[in-house]
Amino acid sequence: MKTQEQDNRWTEGSAHWYADNYGDWPTTRMPIDAVEWQNDETVLDVGCGTGSSLRYLLGYCPKGRLVGLEPTPAMLEIARQQTDQAGLAERIELFNGAAESIPLADASVDSVLAFSTYHHWQDIPAGLAEIARVLKPGGRLLVSEEPEIQTMHGITIADIQAQCLKIGFRPGPVQRLNEGKAECNLILAYKD
């Protein structure tokens, strides 16, 4: 389990630095482009950061319910500002919270995004259990992590798949996605 010190590293300054440098990095949209979407899906983005993935996803799910969950208040404020500036505040719901405690009803979500956030979760089994709780039967989890971040945190694709299997997810395909200097692994898992 991670320490409180690790949890508090995201200050207002670091959140703005991240938003300026990586808020719209290609890894926020490459996994979205890599899979098919229904125009009316309910999608939860766990650790939504600046909200850029949800804003991009509106092009695929124009009639869907899009929800962002962000544990860092400074990052959540940036997401709210950018979503409001894009004129999308009425289309995207944003909440303060973490993977381990999702403020949504059981079986209410079609897809869950966890883009470059899995390695930040305080309790991975608890986060995956909460995601399983909110996913509808047949719903999917999309975990995307950059290879260098996986190496830095000692997380392999097999580790992610094994954790998902323990919770009861059925493994899906894995893809390596690239755009310019941006690269990520996309791991899919499905709730039966």
Protein backbone atom coordinates (compact mmCIF):
# COMPACT_ATOMS: atom_id res chain seq x y z
CA MET A 1 0.00 0.00 0.00
CA LYS A 2 1.21 3.52 -0.77
CA THR A 3 2.02 6.01 1.93
CA GLN A 4 0.21 9.28 2.64
CA GLU A 5 3.37 11.12 1.49
CA GLN A 6 3.03 9.58 -1.98
CA ASP A 7 -0.65 10.52 -2.06
CA ASN A 8 0.07 14.18 -1.29
CA ARG A 9 2.66 14.80 -4.01
CA TRP A 10 0.13 16.47 -6.32
CA THR A 11 0.07 20.10 -5.26
CA GLU A 12 -1.55 22.97 -7.14
CA GLY A 13 1.80 23.71 -8.80
CA SER A 14 2.45 20.13 -9.88
CA ALA A 15 -1.14 19.80 -11.15
CA HIS A 16 -0.70 22.89 -13.34
CA TRP A 17 2.70 21.65 -14.55
CA TYR A 18 1.15 18.30 -15.50
CA ALA A 19 -1.83 19.98 -17.22
CA ASP A 20 0.48 22.24 -19.24
CA ASN A 21 2.86 19.46 -20.29
CA TYR A 22 0.76 16.29 -20.43
CA GLY A 23 -2.92 17.24 -20.10
CA ASP A 24 -3.59 16.63 -23.79
CA TRP A 25 -0.77 14.12 -24.39
CA PRO A 26 -1.65 11.55 -27.10
CA THR A 27 -2.01 8.83 -24.44
CA THR A 28 -5.23 10.56 -23.32
CA ARG A 29 -6.88 9.76 -26.66
CA MET A 30 -4.99 6.86 -28.34
CA PRO A 31 -6.78 4.19 -26.26
CA ILE A 32 -10.13 5.78 -27.13
CA ASP A 33 -9.36 5.59 -30.84
CA ALA A 34 -8.25 1.94 -30.48
CA VAL A 35 -11.65 0.48 -29.51
CA GLU A 36 -15.28 0.73 -30.60
CA TRP A 37 -17.86 2.80 -28.74
CA GLN A 38 -21.64 3.08 -28.62
CA ASN A 39 -22.94 6.63 -28.95
CA ASP A 40 -24.96 6.32 -25.72
CA GLU A 41 -22.44 4.61 -23.41
CA THR A 42 -22.03 5.53 -19.77
CA VAL A 43 -18.29 5.94 -19.23
CA LEU A 44 -16.37 6.56 -16.02
CA ASP A 45 -12.82 7.93 -16.17
CA VAL A 46 -10.99 6.99 -12.94
CA GLY A 47 -8.26 9.56 -12.32
CA CYS A 48 -9.55 11.83 -15.08
CA GLY A 49 -6.80 14.43 -14.63
CA THR A 50 -7.59 17.45 -16.81
CA GLY A 51 -10.67 15.74 -18.26
CA SER A 52 -9.21 15.69 -21.77
CA SER A 53 -10.07 12.02 -22.38
CA LEU A 54 -13.72 12.64 -21.55
CA ARG A 55 -13.90 15.74 -23.71
CA TYR A 56 -12.39 13.75 -26.60
CA LEU A 57 -14.71 10.80 -25.96
CA LEU A 58 -17.76 13.00 -26.56
CA GLY A 59 -17.01 12.64 -30.27
CA TYR A 60 -17.63 8.89 -29.94
CA CYS A 61 -20.39 8.96 -27.30
CA PRO A 62 -22.41 12.12 -28.05
CA LYS A 63 -25.50 10.74 -26.27
CA GLY A 64 -23.62 9.07 -23.44
CA ARG A 65 -23.20 9.89 -19.78
CA LEU A 66 -19.54 10.79 -19.18
CA VAL A 67 -18.24 10.92 -15.61
CA GLY A 68 -14.78 11.84 -14.34
CA LEU A 69 -13.40 10.91 -10.93
CA GLU A 70 -10.27 12.71 -9.73
CA PRO A 71 -8.65 12.44 -6.28
CA THR A 72 -6.51 15.59 -6.54
CA PRO A 73 -8.52 18.77 -5.83
CA ALA A 74 -6.14 21.00 -7.84
CA MET A 75 -6.35 18.70 -10.87
CA LEU A 76 -10.14 18.48 -10.54
CA GLU A 77 -10.34 22.27 -10.59
CA ILE A 78 -8.28 22.34 -13.81
CA ALA A 79 -10.62 19.72 -15.33
CA ARG A 80 -13.64 21.79 -14.39
CA GLN A 81 -12.13 24.98 -15.83
CA GLN A 82 -11.09 23.34 -19.11
CA THR A 83 -14.40 21.54 -19.49
CA ASP A 84 -16.29 24.77 -18.83
CA GLN A 85 -14.09 26.69 -21.30
CA ALA A 86 -14.87 24.04 -23.93
CA GLY A 87 -18.60 24.59 -23.29
CA LEU A 88 -19.02 21.00 -22.09
CA ALA A 89 -19.73 21.45 -18.37
CA GLU A 90 -23.32 20.29 -18.87
CA ARG A 91 -22.17 17.11 -20.67
CA ILE A 92 -19.41 15.88 -18.35
CA GLU A 93 -19.87 15.19 -14.65
CA LEU A 94 -16.76 15.62 -12.49
CA PHE A 95 -16.36 14.32 -8.93
CA ASN A 96 -13.62 14.35 -6.33
CA GLY A 97 -12.76 10.80 -5.37
CA ALA A 98 -10.56 7.78 -5.93
CA ALA A 99 -10.81 4.35 -7.52
CA GLU A 100 -11.31 2.75 -4.11
CA SER A 101 -14.58 4.62 -3.46
CA ILE A 102 -16.63 5.40 -6.58
CA PRO A 103 -19.77 7.52 -6.02
CA LEU A 104 -21.89 5.68 -8.61
CA ALA A 105 -24.57 3.02 -8.36
CA ASP A 106 -23.96 -0.70 -8.84
CA ALA A 107 -24.03 -1.89 -12.46
CA SER A 108 -24.46 1.65 -13.83
CA VAL A 109 -21.41 1.99 -16.15
CA ASP A 110 -20.64 0.48 -19.57
CA SER A 111 -16.91 1.29 -19.71
CA VAL A 112 -14.29 2.45 -17.22
CA LEU A 113 -11.13 4.26 -18.28
CA ALA A 114 -7.96 4.11 -16.19
CA PHE A 115 -5.44 5.97 -18.34
CA SER A 116 -2.04 6.43 -16.69
CA THR A 117 -3.65 6.16 -13.25
CA TYR A 118 -3.48 2.48 -12.24
CA HIS A 119 0.01 2.99 -10.78
CA HIS A 120 -1.32 5.84 -8.57
CA TRP A 121 -4.09 3.86 -6.87
CA GLN A 122 -3.65 3.48 -3.13
CA ASP A 123 -5.18 -0.03 -3.05
CA ILE A 124 -5.34 -1.79 -6.44
CA PRO A 125 -7.55 -4.74 -5.39
CA ALA A 126 -10.04 -2.35 -3.75
CA GLY A 127 -10.03 -0.10 -6.83
CA LEU A 128 -10.66 -3.02 -9.16
CA ALA A 129 -13.43 -4.33 -6.90
CA GLU A 130 -15.13 -0.93 -6.98
CA ILE A 131 -14.83 -0.83 -10.77
CA ALA A 132 -16.37 -4.31 -10.98
CA ARG A 133 -19.19 -3.11 -8.72
CA VAL A 134 -20.13 -0.13 -10.93
CA LEU A 135 -19.71 -1.93 -14.27
CA LYS A 136 -22.74 -3.48 -15.92
CA PRO A 137 -22.51 -7.18 -16.84
CA GLY A 138 -20.44 -7.31 -20.02
CA GLY A 139 -18.90 -3.93 -19.22
CA ARG A 140 -15.24 -3.28 -19.86
CA LEU A 141 -12.23 -1.79 -18.15
CA LEU A 142 -9.58 -0.06 -20.26
CA VAL A 143 -6.24 0.25 -18.42
CA SER A 144 -3.58 2.23 -20.24
CA GLU A 145 -0.05 2.68 -18.91
CA GLU A 146 3.11 4.00 -20.51
CA PRO A 147 5.89 1.39 -20.67
CA GLU A 148 8.43 3.60 -18.88
CA ILE A 149 5.95 4.28 -16.06
CA GLN A 150 5.28 0.54 -15.76
CA THR A 151 9.03 -0.07 -15.48
CA MET A 152 9.45 2.74 -12.94
CA HIS A 153 6.69 1.28 -10.75
CA GLY A 154 7.53 -2.38 -11.38
CA ILE A 155 4.14 -3.13 -12.97
CA THR A 156 3.91 -5.53 -15.90
CA ILE A 157 1.01 -6.25 -18.22
CA ALA A 158 0.84 -9.71 -16.65
CA ASP A 159 0.56 -8.08 -13.18
CA ILE A 160 -2.39 -5.96 -14.30
CA GLN A 161 -4.09 -8.95 -15.91
CA ALA A 162 -3.52 -11.11 -12.83
CA GLN A 163 -5.03 -8.46 -10.53
CA CYS A 164 -8.05 -8.20 -12.84
CA LEU A 165 -8.47 -11.99 -12.88
CA LYS A 166 -8.43 -12.11 -9.06
CA ILE A 167 -11.41 -9.74 -9.00
CA GLY A 168 -13.26 -11.82 -11.59
CA PHE A 169 -12.64 -9.90 -14.80
CA ARG A 170 -12.28 -11.83 -18.05
CA PRO A 171 -9.07 -10.80 -19.85
CA GLY A 172 -9.33 -9.03 -23.17
CA PRO A 173 -6.80 -8.02 -25.80
CA VAL A 174 -3.63 -6.06 -25.16
CA GLN A 175 -2.37 -3.47 -27.63
CA ARG A 176 0.78 -1.34 -27.86
CA LEU A 177 -0.22 2.11 -29.11
CA ASN A 178 2.17 4.72 -30.55
CA GLU A 179 1.93 8.27 -31.79
CA GLY A 180 5.14 10.23 -32.22
CA LYS A 181 7.03 10.03 -28.91
CA ALA A 182 3.92 8.88 -27.04
CA GLU A 183 3.53 5.17 -26.33
CA CYS A 184 1.22 3.17 -24.09
CA ASN A 185 -0.03 -0.34 -23.43
CA LEU A 186 -3.79 -0.79 -23.53
CA ILE A 187 -5.06 -3.72 -21.45
CA LEU A 188 -8.77 -4.59 -21.68
CA ALA A 189 -10.74 -6.62 -19.16
CA TYR A 190 -14.45 -7.49 -19.12
CA LYS A 191 -16.99 -8.07 -16.36
CA ASP A 192 -19.03 -11.23 -16.95
